[in-house]
Amino acid sequence: MSATATMTQGVYLNIPRADWTLLKELINRFGWQSQTREQMLEEFIQTRPTISDLSEEDIMDEVRAVRYQS
């Protein structure tokens, strides 16, 4: 992990839409990174696997094993 990555702090801000342009300008000037909640959600969805390794029967076997263990 790089030194830069360990020295960053994630922050979530609620700001008026009218101020977003000003904040984006500051973000660019300081070299910061920004993502909207929608962008973060889209990135998360894109990184999810599309094919499950488990069948429905595999899942039910796991549930039964945990639920009915002695």
Protein backbone atom coordinates (compact mmCIF):
# COMPACT_ATOMS: atom_id res chain seq x y z
CA MET A 1 0.00 0.00 0.00
CA SER A 2 1.37 3.42 -0.89
CA ALA A 3 2.02 6.15 1.66
CA THR A 4 -0.58 8.35 -0.03
CA ALA A 5 -3.29 5.72 0.35
CA THR A 6 -2.61 5.32 4.06
CA MET A 7 -2.75 9.06 4.69
CA THR A 8 -6.15 9.76 3.13
CA GLN A 9 -9.46 10.22 4.90
CA GLY A 10 -12.79 9.39 3.30
CA VAL A 11 -15.50 11.98 3.94
CA TYR A 12 -19.16 12.12 2.98
CA LEU A 13 -20.62 15.62 2.64
CA ASN A 14 -24.15 16.83 2.05
CA ILE A 15 -23.89 20.13 0.21
CA PRO A 16 -26.36 22.21 -1.76
CA ARG A 17 -26.34 21.45 -5.49
CA ALA A 18 -25.58 25.11 -6.18
CA ASP A 19 -22.25 24.75 -4.33
CA TRP A 20 -21.17 21.54 -6.10
CA THR A 21 -19.40 23.44 -8.91
CA LEU A 22 -17.31 25.39 -6.40
CA LEU A 23 -16.44 22.25 -4.45
CA LYS A 24 -15.44 20.43 -7.65
CA GLU A 25 -13.12 23.33 -8.50
CA LEU A 26 -11.46 23.05 -5.08
CA ILE A 27 -11.19 19.29 -5.43
CA ASN A 28 -9.40 19.70 -8.75
CA ARG A 29 -7.06 22.43 -7.45
CA PHE A 30 -5.96 20.34 -4.49
CA GLY A 31 -5.71 17.10 -6.48
CA TRP A 32 -8.32 15.38 -4.36
CA GLN A 33 -10.69 12.69 -5.59
CA SER A 34 -14.46 12.80 -5.41
CA GLN A 35 -17.36 10.49 -6.13
CA THR A 36 -21.06 11.00 -5.76
CA ARG A 37 -23.13 8.41 -3.95
CA GLU A 38 -24.53 7.33 -7.31
CA GLN A 39 -21.02 6.88 -8.75
CA MET A 40 -19.97 4.81 -5.74
CA LEU A 41 -23.04 2.60 -6.09
CA GLU A 42 -22.46 2.13 -9.83
CA GLU A 43 -18.81 1.20 -9.21
CA PHE A 44 -19.90 -1.34 -6.58
CA ILE A 45 -22.47 -2.88 -8.92
CA GLN A 46 -19.93 -3.13 -11.76
CA THR A 47 -17.46 -5.03 -9.56
CA ARG A 48 -19.95 -7.66 -8.39
CA PRO A 49 -19.70 -11.14 -9.96
CA THR A 50 -22.41 -11.92 -12.47
CA ILE A 51 -22.34 -15.70 -12.01
CA SER A 52 -22.76 -17.25 -8.60
CA ASP A 53 -20.48 -20.15 -7.72
CA LEU A 54 -23.23 -21.67 -5.60
CA SER A 55 -26.45 -23.24 -6.78
CA GLU A 56 -29.69 -22.75 -4.86
CA GLU A 57 -29.34 -26.29 -3.55
CA ASP A 58 -25.78 -25.54 -2.31
CA ILE A 59 -27.09 -22.52 -0.44
CA MET A 60 -29.91 -24.52 1.15
CA ASP A 61 -27.43 -27.23 2.19
CA GLU A 62 -25.36 -24.56 3.96
CA VAL A 63 -28.45 -23.14 5.70
CA ARG A 64 -29.52 -26.60 6.86
CA ALA A 65 -26.01 -27.41 8.10
CA VAL A 66 -25.91 -24.30 10.25
CA ARG A 67 -29.52 -24.40 11.42
CA TYR A 68 -29.62 -28.08 12.34
CA GLN A 69 -26.09 -28.65 13.63
CA SER A 70 -25.84 -30.57 16.90
